[in-house]
Amino acid sequence: MSAGSSGATADAGAELRNAVRTAGDSRFLEVPARVGFAASGLIQVLLGGLAIQLGASRVGEPDQTGALEEVSKLPGGFVVLWVAAIGLFALALWLLTEAILVRAGSAADRWMRRLEHLSKAAAYAVLGFTALAFADGHPSNASTRTSHASGSILSSPGGQVLLAVLGLVTGAVGVYFVAKGIRLRFRRDIAVPSGPAGRGITVLGAVGYVAKGIVVGLAGAAFIVAAVRVQPATATGLAGGLSTLEQLPFGGAIVVVVGFGLIASGVYNIARAWLARF
């Protein structure tokens, strides 16, 4: 390749990064992304409540679908779902731009942050589509949809390997969330207020990230088990993670504790809607 061609490629790359940076810094994207944080927080609070109900009564199967169903029952729930979907899509787009623009830290740290941003972007996009389905009056069960998707992966060439890799990636994200909560690294994502408010936000974030990491990590383990056993029904996402916890000794009590952790994560995300750094 000639020097001129190399220079043109570098210029094109720089223009792409500048365009992405402009999109990420756009006020047009920032406002709905904050709405997305708030919507995600509300869903996590409701999911935590459903998890507590599961742990206390050992009935039901809490997942994002159940949480969105609760939103649909609120006064004006139809409007809330549409606003939530727009915010969640905007948040997914913002996270994609953040994944492209990661620069600080070591190479391993940058790739871990990219993985976090990309996985969260995918999760928020799926949640946005689910919210749209409820707003449009065509809800579907998240656990069933996850199992069907896993079955499609398993039936494709190299499907077992692909599903196992998906499980490993999901599990790694879960471990990263736990580490991020314990090390308080989430504080760099927000403008932490001073005084008791800042300490409260820090506690909520730490507890929330650890709880969320446990559930996501177990969901990843369920994908791996599904790949090894060639049983797509084993992969049921967050609901599967909570169900795995429930099967442990004192599982009901553990699920209740994790449910409170998910509520903490939801409250943190609602606060993040105002405190997020863009």
C-alpha atoms as a PDB file:
ATOM      1  CA  MET A   1       0.000   0.000   0.000  1.00  0.00           C
ATOM      2  CA  SER A   2       1.345   3.442  -0.956  1.00  0.00           C
ATOM      3  CA  ALA A   3       1.975   6.251   1.501  1.00  0.00           C
ATOM      4  CA  GLY A   4      -0.896   8.171  -0.101  1.00  0.00           C
ATOM      5  CA  SER A   5      -3.283   5.266   0.407  1.00  0.00           C
ATOM      6  CA  SER A   6      -2.164   4.839   4.024  1.00  0.00           C
ATOM      7  CA  GLY A   7      -2.711   8.535   4.632  1.00  0.00           C
ATOM      8  CA  ALA A   8      -6.184   8.389   3.107  1.00  0.00           C
ATOM      9  CA  THR A   9      -7.084   5.397   5.263  1.00  0.00           C
ATOM     10  CA  ALA A  10      -5.831   7.166   8.385  1.00  0.00           C
ATOM     11  CA  ASP A  11      -7.821  10.280   7.450  1.00  0.00           C
ATOM     12  CA  ALA A  12     -10.949   8.202   6.913  1.00  0.00           C
ATOM     13  CA  GLY A  13     -10.451   6.536  10.292  1.00  0.00           C
ATOM     14  CA  ALA A  14      -9.995   9.884  11.979  1.00  0.00           C
ATOM     15  CA  GLU A  15     -13.144  11.234  10.308  1.00  0.00           C
ATOM     16  CA  LEU A  16     -15.099   8.179  11.487  1.00  0.00           C
ATOM     17  CA  ARG A  17     -13.885   8.604  15.065  1.00  0.00           C
ATOM     18  CA  ASN A  18     -14.729  12.299  14.974  1.00  0.00           C
ATOM     19  CA  ALA A  19     -18.215  11.529  13.663  1.00  0.00           C
ATOM     20  CA  VAL A  20     -18.767   8.951  16.382  1.00  0.00           C
ATOM     21  CA  ARG A  21     -17.421  11.314  19.032  1.00  0.00           C
ATOM     22  CA  THR A  22     -19.779  14.035  17.789  1.00  0.00           C
ATOM     23  CA  ALA A  23     -22.696  11.584  17.966  1.00  0.00           C
ATOM     24  CA  GLY A  24     -21.683  10.515  21.467  1.00  0.00           C
ATOM     25  CA  ASP A  25     -21.384  14.131  22.633  1.00  0.00           C
ATOM     26  CA  SER A  26     -24.627  15.207  20.969  1.00  0.00           C
ATOM     27  CA  ARG A  27     -27.191  16.811  23.246  1.00  0.00           C
ATOM     28  CA  PHE A  28     -29.788  15.223  20.988  1.00  0.00           C
ATOM     29  CA  LEU A  29     -28.594  11.791  22.165  1.00  0.00           C
ATOM     30  CA  GLU A  30     -27.776  12.710  25.767  1.00  0.00           C
ATOM     31  CA  VAL A  31     -31.311  13.581  26.885  1.00  0.00           C
ATOM     32  CA  PRO A  32     -33.004  10.354  25.681  1.00  0.00           C
ATOM     33  CA  ALA A  33     -30.020   8.341  26.966  1.00  0.00           C
ATOM     34  CA  ARG A  34     -30.672   9.752  30.432  1.00  0.00           C
ATOM     35  CA  VAL A  35     -34.292   8.688  29.997  1.00  0.00           C
ATOM     36  CA  GLY A  36     -32.915   5.242  29.133  1.00  0.00           C
ATOM     37  CA  PHE A  37     -30.962   5.086  32.399  1.00  0.00           C
ATOM     38  CA  ALA A  38     -34.129   5.992  34.303  1.00  0.00           C
ATOM     39  CA  ALA A  39     -36.189   3.417  32.376  1.00  0.00           C
ATOM     40  CA  SER A  40     -33.579   0.735  32.980  1.00  0.00           C
ATOM     41  CA  GLY A  41     -33.570   1.646  36.663  1.00  0.00           C
ATOM     42  CA  LEU A  42     -37.349   1.339  36.910  1.00  0.00           C
ATOM     43  CA  ILE A  43     -37.248  -2.072  35.223  1.00  0.00           C
ATOM     44  CA  GLN A  44     -34.496  -3.272  37.581  1.00  0.00           C
ATOM     45  CA  VAL A  45     -36.457  -2.076  40.625  1.00  0.00           C
ATOM     46  CA  LEU A  46     -39.493  -4.025  39.422  1.00  0.00           C
ATOM     47  CA  LEU A  47     -37.330  -7.047  38.565  1.00  0.00           C
ATOM     48  CA  GLY A  48     -35.855  -6.931  42.059  1.00  0.00           C
ATOM     49  CA  GLY A  49     -39.353  -6.826  43.511  1.00  0.00           C
ATOM     50  CA  LEU A  50     -40.350  -9.854  41.451  1.00  0.00           C
ATOM     51  CA  ALA A  51     -37.190 -11.663  42.593  1.00  0.00           C
ATOM     52  CA  ILE A  52     -38.079 -10.967  46.222  1.00  0.00           C
ATOM     53  CA  GLN A  53     -41.563 -12.316  45.561  1.00  0.00           C
ATOM     54  CA  LEU A  54     -40.005 -15.423  43.963  1.00  0.00           C
ATOM     55  CA  GLY A  55     -37.668 -15.980  46.908  1.00  0.00           C
ATOM     56  CA  ALA A  56     -40.424 -15.510  49.458  1.00  0.00           C
ATOM     57  CA  SER A  57     -43.104 -17.603  47.733  1.00  0.00           C
ATOM     58  CA  ARG A  58     -41.061 -19.780  45.340  1.00  0.00           C
ATOM     59  CA  VAL A  59     -43.533 -19.154  42.520  1.00  0.00           C
ATOM     60  CA  GLY A  60     -43.268 -17.376  39.196  1.00  0.00           C
ATOM     61  CA  GLU A  61     -40.329 -16.651  36.929  1.00  0.00           C
ATOM     62  CA  PRO A  62     -39.076 -13.057  37.191  1.00  0.00           C
ATOM     63  CA  ASP A  63     -37.462 -11.591  34.089  1.00  0.00           C
ATOM     64  CA  GLN A  64     -37.532  -8.333  32.127  1.00  0.00           C
ATOM     65  CA  THR A  65     -40.837  -9.342  30.569  1.00  0.00           C
ATOM     66  CA  GLY A  66     -42.446  -9.597  33.976  1.00  0.00           C
ATOM     67  CA  ALA A  67     -41.049  -6.200  34.935  1.00  0.00           C
ATOM     68  CA  LEU A  68     -42.363  -4.595  31.744  1.00  0.00           C
ATOM     69  CA  GLU A  69     -45.732  -6.212  32.326  1.00  0.00           C
ATOM     70  CA  GLU A  70     -45.833  -4.402  35.671  1.00  0.00           C
ATOM     71  CA  VAL A  71     -45.020  -1.135  33.860  1.00  0.00           C
ATOM     72  CA  SER A  72     -47.900  -1.748  31.446  1.00  0.00           C
ATOM     73  CA  LYS A  73     -50.262  -1.932  34.433  1.00  0.00           C
ATOM     74  CA  LEU A  74     -49.298   1.539  35.686  1.00  0.00           C
ATOM     75  CA  PRO A  75     -51.555   4.532  34.902  1.00  0.00           C
ATOM     76  CA  GLY A  76     -50.329   5.780  31.538  1.00  0.00           C
ATOM     77  CA  GLY A  77     -48.186   2.642  31.200  1.00  0.00           C
ATOM     78  CA  PHE A  78     -48.554   2.668  27.401  1.00  0.00           C
ATOM     79  CA  VAL A  79     -46.871   6.089  27.226  1.00  0.00           C
ATOM     80  CA  VAL A  80     -44.219   5.053  29.741  1.00  0.00           C
ATOM     81  CA  LEU A  81     -43.346   2.021  27.598  1.00  0.00           C
ATOM     82  CA  TRP A  82     -42.931   4.109  24.435  1.00  0.00           C
ATOM     83  CA  VAL A  83     -40.771   6.688  26.229  1.00  0.00           C
ATOM     84  CA  ALA A  84     -38.769   3.887  27.843  1.00  0.00           C
ATOM     85  CA  ALA A  85     -38.182   2.196  24.475  1.00  0.00           C
ATOM     86  CA  ILE A  86     -36.886   5.429  22.897  1.00  0.00           C
ATOM     87  CA  GLY A  87     -34.608   6.019  25.866  1.00  0.00           C
ATOM     88  CA  LEU A  88     -33.310   2.452  25.848  1.00  0.00           C
ATOM     89  CA  PHE A  89     -32.485   2.615  22.121  1.00  0.00           C
ATOM     90  CA  ALA A  90     -30.709   5.943  22.635  1.00  0.00           C
ATOM     91  CA  LEU A  91     -28.776   4.464  25.542  1.00  0.00           C
ATOM     92  CA  ALA A  92     -27.750   1.486  23.397  1.00  0.00           C
ATOM     93  CA  LEU A  93     -26.510   3.849  20.669  1.00  0.00           C
ATOM     94  CA  TRP A  94     -24.575   5.951  23.180  1.00  0.00           C
ATOM     95  CA  LEU A  95     -22.912   2.813  24.595  1.00  0.00           C
ATOM     96  CA  LEU A  96     -21.903   1.765  21.078  1.00  0.00           C
ATOM     97  CA  THR A  97     -20.179   5.113  20.576  1.00  0.00           C
ATOM     98  CA  GLU A  98     -18.496   4.772  23.970  1.00  0.00           C
ATOM     99  CA  ALA A  99     -17.196   1.328  22.991  1.00  0.00           C
ATOM    100  CA  ILE A 100     -15.589   2.801  19.870  1.00  0.00           C
ATOM    101  CA  LEU A 101     -14.112   5.775  21.726  1.00  0.00           C
ATOM    102  CA  VAL A 102     -12.509   3.948  24.683  1.00  0.00           C
ATOM    103  CA  ARG A 103      -8.930   5.222  24.983  1.00  0.00           C
ATOM    104  CA  ALA A 104      -7.818   5.352  28.648  1.00  0.00           C
ATOM    105  CA  GLY A 105      -6.177   2.507  30.575  1.00  0.00           C
ATOM    106  CA  SER A 106      -4.206  -0.560  29.582  1.00  0.00           C
ATOM    107  CA  ALA A 107      -5.045  -2.597  26.490  1.00  0.00           C
ATOM    108  CA  ALA A 108      -6.753  -5.263  28.619  1.00  0.00           C
ATOM    109  CA  ASP A 109      -8.753  -2.640  30.498  1.00  0.00           C
ATOM    110  CA  ARG A 110      -9.828  -0.952  27.248  1.00  0.00           C
ATOM    111  CA  TRP A 111     -11.037  -4.228  25.754  1.00  0.00           C
ATOM    112  CA  MET A 112     -12.881  -5.117  28.958  1.00  0.00           C
ATOM    113  CA  ARG A 113     -14.646  -1.757  28.899  1.00  0.00           C
ATOM    114  CA  ARG A 114     -15.489  -2.228  25.211  1.00  0.00           C
ATOM    115  CA  LEU A 115     -16.925  -5.645  26.032  1.00  0.00           C
ATOM    116  CA  GLU A 116     -18.966  -4.140  28.853  1.00  0.00           C
ATOM    117  CA  HIS A 117     -20.283  -1.323  26.647  1.00  0.00           C
ATOM    118  CA  LEU A 118     -21.144  -3.658  23.765  1.00  0.00           C
ATOM    119  CA  SER A 119     -22.878  -6.249  25.942  1.00  0.00           C
ATOM    120  CA  LYS A 120     -24.885  -3.568  27.729  1.00  0.00           C
ATOM    121  CA  ALA A 121     -25.764  -1.945  24.397  1.00  0.00           C
ATOM    122  CA  ALA A 122     -27.109  -5.278  23.146  1.00  0.00           C
ATOM    123  CA  ALA A 123     -29.049  -5.824  26.379  1.00  0.00           C
ATOM    124  CA  TYR A 124     -30.590  -2.343  26.285  1.00  0.00           C
ATOM    125  CA  ALA A 125     -31.514  -2.759  22.609  1.00  0.00           C
ATOM    126  CA  VAL A 126     -33.267  -6.080  23.332  1.00  0.00           C
ATOM    127  CA  LEU A 127     -35.027  -4.479  26.291  1.00  0.00           C
ATOM    128  CA  GLY A 128     -36.087  -1.614  24.037  1.00  0.00           C
ATOM    129  CA  PHE A 129     -37.616  -4.022  21.516  1.00  0.00           C
ATOM    130  CA  THR A 130     -39.378  -5.844  24.369  1.00  0.00           C
ATOM    131  CA  ALA A 131     -40.798  -2.545  25.621  1.00  0.00           C
ATOM    132  CA  LEU A 132     -42.009  -1.781  22.092  1.00  0.00           C
ATOM    133  CA  ALA A 133     -43.678  -5.201  21.921  1.00  0.00           C
ATOM    134  CA  PHE A 134     -45.591  -4.454  25.126  1.00  0.00           C
ATOM    135  CA  ALA A 135     -46.485  -0.957  23.933  1.00  0.00           C
ATOM    136  CA  ASP A 136     -47.762  -2.468  20.681  1.00  0.00           C
ATOM    137  CA  GLY A 137     -49.746  -5.120  22.564  1.00  0.00           C
ATOM    138  CA  HIS A 138     -47.616  -8.111  21.493  1.00  0.00           C
ATOM    139  CA  PRO A 139     -45.583  -9.175  24.557  1.00  0.00           C
ATOM    140  CA  SER A 140     -43.528 -12.355  24.671  1.00  0.00           C
ATOM    141  CA  ASN A 141     -41.803 -14.223  27.473  1.00  0.00           C
ATOM    142  CA  ALA A 142     -38.117 -13.327  27.760  1.00  0.00           C
ATOM    143  CA  SER A 143     -37.075 -16.748  29.048  1.00  0.00           C
ATOM    144  CA  THR A 144     -38.863 -18.550  26.200  1.00  0.00           C
ATOM    145  CA  ARG A 145     -37.357 -16.167  23.658  1.00  0.00           C
ATOM    146  CA  THR A 146     -33.864 -16.758  25.087  1.00  0.00           C
ATOM    147  CA  SER A 147     -34.354 -20.537  24.906  1.00  0.00           C
ATOM    148  CA  HIS A 148     -35.534 -20.297  21.281  1.00  0.00           C
ATOM    149  CA  ALA A 149     -32.537 -18.126  20.385  1.00  0.00           C
ATOM    150  CA  SER A 150     -30.211 -20.637  22.069  1.00  0.00           C
ATOM    151  CA  GLY A 151     -31.872 -23.448  20.111  1.00  0.00           C
ATOM    152  CA  SER A 152     -31.255 -21.553  16.865  1.00  0.00           C
ATOM    153  CA  ILE A 153     -27.586 -21.119  17.778  1.00  0.00           C
ATOM    154  CA  LEU A 154     -27.215 -24.809  18.678  1.00  0.00           C
ATOM    155  CA  SER A 155     -28.764 -25.886  15.365  1.00  0.00           C
ATOM    156  CA  SER A 156     -26.278 -23.807  13.346  1.00  0.00           C
ATOM    157  CA  PRO A 157     -22.827 -25.079  12.289  1.00  0.00           C
ATOM    158  CA  GLY A 158     -20.500 -24.897  15.281  1.00  0.00           C
ATOM    159  CA  GLY A 159     -23.493 -23.912  17.392  1.00  0.00           C
ATOM    160  CA  GLN A 160     -22.252 -25.572  20.583  1.00  0.00           C
ATOM    161  CA  VAL A 161     -19.014 -23.630  20.418  1.00  0.00           C
ATOM    162  CA  LEU A 162     -20.820 -20.363  19.662  1.00  0.00           C
ATOM    163  CA  LEU A 163     -23.233 -20.816  22.580  1.00  0.00           C
ATOM    164  CA  ALA A 164     -20.368 -21.750  24.897  1.00  0.00           C
ATOM    165  CA  VAL A 165     -18.472 -18.623  23.819  1.00  0.00           C
ATOM    166  CA  LEU A 166     -21.606 -16.555  24.434  1.00  0.00           C
ATOM    167  CA  GLY A 167     -21.796 -18.101  27.898  1.00  0.00           C
ATOM    168  CA  LEU A 168     -18.146 -17.327  28.605  1.00  0.00           C
ATOM    169  CA  VAL A 169     -18.561 -13.719  27.465  1.00  0.00           C
ATOM    170  CA  THR A 170     -21.734 -13.302  29.526  1.00  0.00           C
ATOM    171  CA  GLY A 171     -20.040 -14.855  32.535  1.00  0.00           C
ATOM    172  CA  ALA A 172     -17.024 -12.564  32.093  1.00  0.00           C
ATOM    173  CA  VAL A 173     -19.316  -9.542  32.048  1.00  0.00           C
ATOM    174  CA  GLY A 174     -20.915 -10.787  35.259  1.00  0.00           C
ATOM    175  CA  VAL A 175     -17.519 -11.140  36.938  1.00  0.00           C
ATOM    176  CA  TYR A 176     -16.593  -7.672  35.681  1.00  0.00           C
ATOM    177  CA  PHE A 177     -19.760  -6.206  37.204  1.00  0.00           C
ATOM    178  CA  VAL A 178     -18.947  -7.795  40.571  1.00  0.00           C
ATOM    179  CA  ALA A 179     -15.371  -6.467  40.436  1.00  0.00           C
ATOM    180  CA  LYS A 180     -16.601  -3.045  39.350  1.00  0.00           C
ATOM    181  CA  GLY A 181     -18.953  -2.930  42.330  1.00  0.00           C
ATOM    182  CA  ILE A 182     -16.366  -4.097  44.854  1.00  0.00           C
ATOM    183  CA  ARG A 183     -13.669  -1.734  43.548  1.00  0.00           C
ATOM    184  CA  LEU A 184     -16.150   1.159  43.221  1.00  0.00           C
ATOM    185  CA  ARG A 185     -15.030   1.770  39.635  1.00  0.00           C
ATOM    186  CA  PHE A 186     -18.568   2.765  38.665  1.00  0.00           C
ATOM    187  CA  ARG A 187     -17.877   6.115  40.339  1.00  0.00           C
ATOM    188  CA  ARG A 188     -15.984   7.250  37.250  1.00  0.00           C
ATOM    189  CA  ASP A 189     -19.221   6.952  35.238  1.00  0.00           C
ATOM    190  CA  ILE A 190     -21.052   9.585  37.291  1.00  0.00           C
ATOM    191  CA  ALA A 191     -20.538  12.973  38.908  1.00  0.00           C
ATOM    192  CA  VAL A 192     -20.577  11.773  42.520  1.00  0.00           C
ATOM    193  CA  PRO A 193     -22.225  14.358  44.784  1.00  0.00           C
ATOM    194  CA  SER A 194     -20.563  15.304  48.047  1.00  0.00           C
ATOM    195  CA  GLY A 195     -21.736  14.448  51.558  1.00  0.00           C
ATOM    196  CA  PRO A 196     -24.320  11.814  52.549  1.00  0.00           C
ATOM    197  CA  ALA A 197     -25.884  11.777  49.057  1.00  0.00           C
ATOM    198  CA  GLY A 198     -22.574  10.743  47.532  1.00  0.00           C
ATOM    199  CA  ARG A 199     -22.052   8.019  50.135  1.00  0.00           C
ATOM    200  CA  GLY A 200     -25.579   6.746  49.558  1.00  0.00           C
ATOM    201  CA  ILE A 201     -25.093   6.619  45.780  1.00  0.00           C
ATOM    202  CA  THR A 202     -21.800   4.765  46.280  1.00  0.00           C
ATOM    203  CA  VAL A 203     -23.428   2.125  48.499  1.00  0.00           C
ATOM    204  CA  LEU A 204     -26.304   1.653  46.045  1.00  0.00           C
ATOM    205  CA  GLY A 205     -23.894   1.314  43.128  1.00  0.00           C
ATOM    206  CA  ALA A 206     -21.627  -1.157  44.913  1.00  0.00           C
ATOM    207  CA  VAL A 207     -24.480  -3.388  46.095  1.00  0.00           C
ATOM    208  CA  GLY A 208     -26.282  -3.096  42.758  1.00  0.00           C
ATOM    209  CA  TYR A 209     -23.299  -4.013  40.591  1.00  0.00           C
ATOM    210  CA  VAL A 210     -22.447  -7.030  42.744  1.00  0.00           C
ATOM    211  CA  ALA A 211     -26.035  -8.314  42.678  1.00  0.00           C
ATOM    212  CA  LYS A 212     -26.379  -7.711  38.955  1.00  0.00           C
ATOM    213  CA  GLY A 213     -23.018  -9.376  38.324  1.00  0.00           C
ATOM    214  CA  ILE A 214     -24.067 -12.505  40.218  1.00  0.00           C
ATOM    215  CA  VAL A 215     -27.262 -12.902  38.182  1.00  0.00           C
ATOM    216  CA  VAL A 216     -25.550 -12.152  34.838  1.00  0.00           C
ATOM    217  CA  GLY A 217     -22.703 -14.538  35.694  1.00  0.00           C
ATOM    218  CA  LEU A 218     -25.155 -17.342  36.485  1.00  0.00           C
ATOM    219  CA  ALA A 219     -26.999 -16.620  33.233  1.00  0.00           C
ATOM    220  CA  GLY A 220     -23.673 -17.087  31.433  1.00  0.00           C
ATOM    221  CA  ALA A 221     -23.141 -20.383  33.240  1.00  0.00           C
ATOM    222  CA  ALA A 222     -26.600 -21.489  32.078  1.00  0.00           C
ATOM    223  CA  PHE A 223     -25.589 -20.813  28.447  1.00  0.00           C
ATOM    224  CA  ILE A 224     -22.472 -22.956  28.912  1.00  0.00           C
ATOM    225  CA  VAL A 225     -24.500 -25.812  30.464  1.00  0.00           C
ATOM    226  CA  ALA A 226     -26.972 -25.576  27.566  1.00  0.00           C
ATOM    227  CA  ALA A 227     -24.082 -25.836  25.093  1.00  0.00           C
ATOM    228  CA  VAL A 228     -22.502 -28.837  26.837  1.00  0.00           C
ATOM    229  CA  ARG A 229     -25.793 -30.719  27.249  1.00  0.00           C
ATOM    230  CA  VAL A 230     -27.247 -29.503  23.927  1.00  0.00           C
ATOM    231  CA  GLN A 231     -30.373 -28.434  25.813  1.00  0.00           C
ATOM    232  CA  PRO A 232     -31.494 -24.935  24.762  1.00  0.00           C
ATOM    233  CA  ALA A 233     -34.261 -24.938  27.389  1.00  0.00           C
ATOM    234  CA  THR A 234     -31.519 -24.659  30.044  1.00  0.00           C
ATOM    235  CA  ALA A 235     -30.571 -21.173  28.790  1.00  0.00           C
ATOM    236  CA  THR A 236     -33.228 -18.835  30.168  1.00  0.00           C
ATOM    237  CA  GLY A 237     -31.334 -15.592  30.771  1.00  0.00           C
ATOM    238  CA  LEU A 238     -31.788 -13.654  34.005  1.00  0.00           C
ATOM    239  CA  ALA A 239     -34.708 -15.801  35.082  1.00  0.00           C
ATOM    240  CA  GLY A 240     -32.450 -18.845  34.775  1.00  0.00           C
ATOM    241  CA  GLY A 241     -29.810 -17.151  36.914  1.00  0.00           C
ATOM    242  CA  LEU A 242     -32.328 -16.425  39.659  1.00  0.00           C
ATOM    243  CA  SER A 243     -33.741 -19.949  39.404  1.00  0.00           C
ATOM    244  CA  THR A 244     -30.211 -21.347  39.826  1.00  0.00           C
ATOM    245  CA  LEU A 245     -29.790 -19.317  42.997  1.00  0.00           C
ATOM    246  CA  GLU A 246     -33.156 -20.545  44.267  1.00  0.00           C
ATOM    247  CA  GLN A 247     -32.001 -24.174  44.022  1.00  0.00           C
ATOM    248  CA  LEU A 248     -29.095 -23.602  46.432  1.00  0.00           C
ATOM    249  CA  PRO A 249     -29.390 -24.294  50.182  1.00  0.00           C
ATOM    250  CA  PHE A 250     -31.320 -21.349  51.660  1.00  0.00           C
ATOM    251  CA  GLY A 251     -31.939 -20.395  48.012  1.00  0.00           C
ATOM    252  CA  GLY A 252     -35.132 -18.496  48.761  1.00  0.00           C
ATOM    253  CA  ALA A 253     -33.331 -16.212  51.219  1.00  0.00           C
ATOM    254  CA  ILE A 254     -30.440 -15.735  48.758  1.00  0.00           C
ATOM    255  CA  VAL A 255     -32.842 -14.736  45.968  1.00  0.00           C
ATOM    256  CA  VAL A 256     -34.525 -12.225  48.305  1.00  0.00           C
ATOM    257  CA  VAL A 257     -31.121 -10.676  49.124  1.00  0.00           C
ATOM    258  CA  VAL A 258     -30.213 -10.524  45.421  1.00  0.00           C
ATOM    259  CA  GLY A 259     -33.638  -8.993  44.746  1.00  0.00           C
ATOM    260  CA  PHE A 260     -32.842  -6.165  47.148  1.00  0.00           C
ATOM    261  CA  GLY A 261     -29.507  -5.814  45.355  1.00  0.00           C
ATOM    262  CA  LEU A 262     -31.282  -5.467  42.006  1.00  0.00           C
ATOM    263  CA  ILE A 263     -33.525  -2.805  43.542  1.00  0.00           C
ATOM    264  CA  ALA A 264     -30.361  -0.994  44.695  1.00  0.00           C
ATOM    265  CA  SER A 265     -29.024  -1.266  41.134  1.00  0.00           C
ATOM    266  CA  GLY A 266     -32.278   0.179  39.802  1.00  0.00           C
ATOM    267  CA  VAL A 267     -32.239   3.124  42.213  1.00  0.00           C
ATOM    268  CA  TYR A 268     -28.595   3.760  41.288  1.00  0.00           C
ATOM    269  CA  ASN A 269     -29.493   3.797  37.579  1.00  0.00           C
ATOM    270  CA  ILE A 270     -32.355   6.209  38.223  1.00  0.00           C
ATOM    271  CA  ALA A 271     -29.888   8.491  40.030  1.00  0.00           C
ATOM    272  CA  ARG A 272     -27.420   7.968  37.178  1.00  0.00           C
ATOM    273  CA  ALA A 273     -29.977   9.471  34.812  1.00  0.00           C
ATOM    274  CA  TRP A 274     -29.082  12.830  36.403  1.00  0.00           C
ATOM    275  CA  LEU A 275     -25.485  12.153  37.395  1.00  0.00           C
ATOM    276  CA  ALA A 276     -24.107  10.342  34.304  1.00  0.00           C
ATOM    277  CA  ARG A 277     -20.982  11.755  32.657  1.00  0.00           C
ATOM    278  CA  PHE A 278     -21.403  12.284  28.894  1.00  0.00           C
END
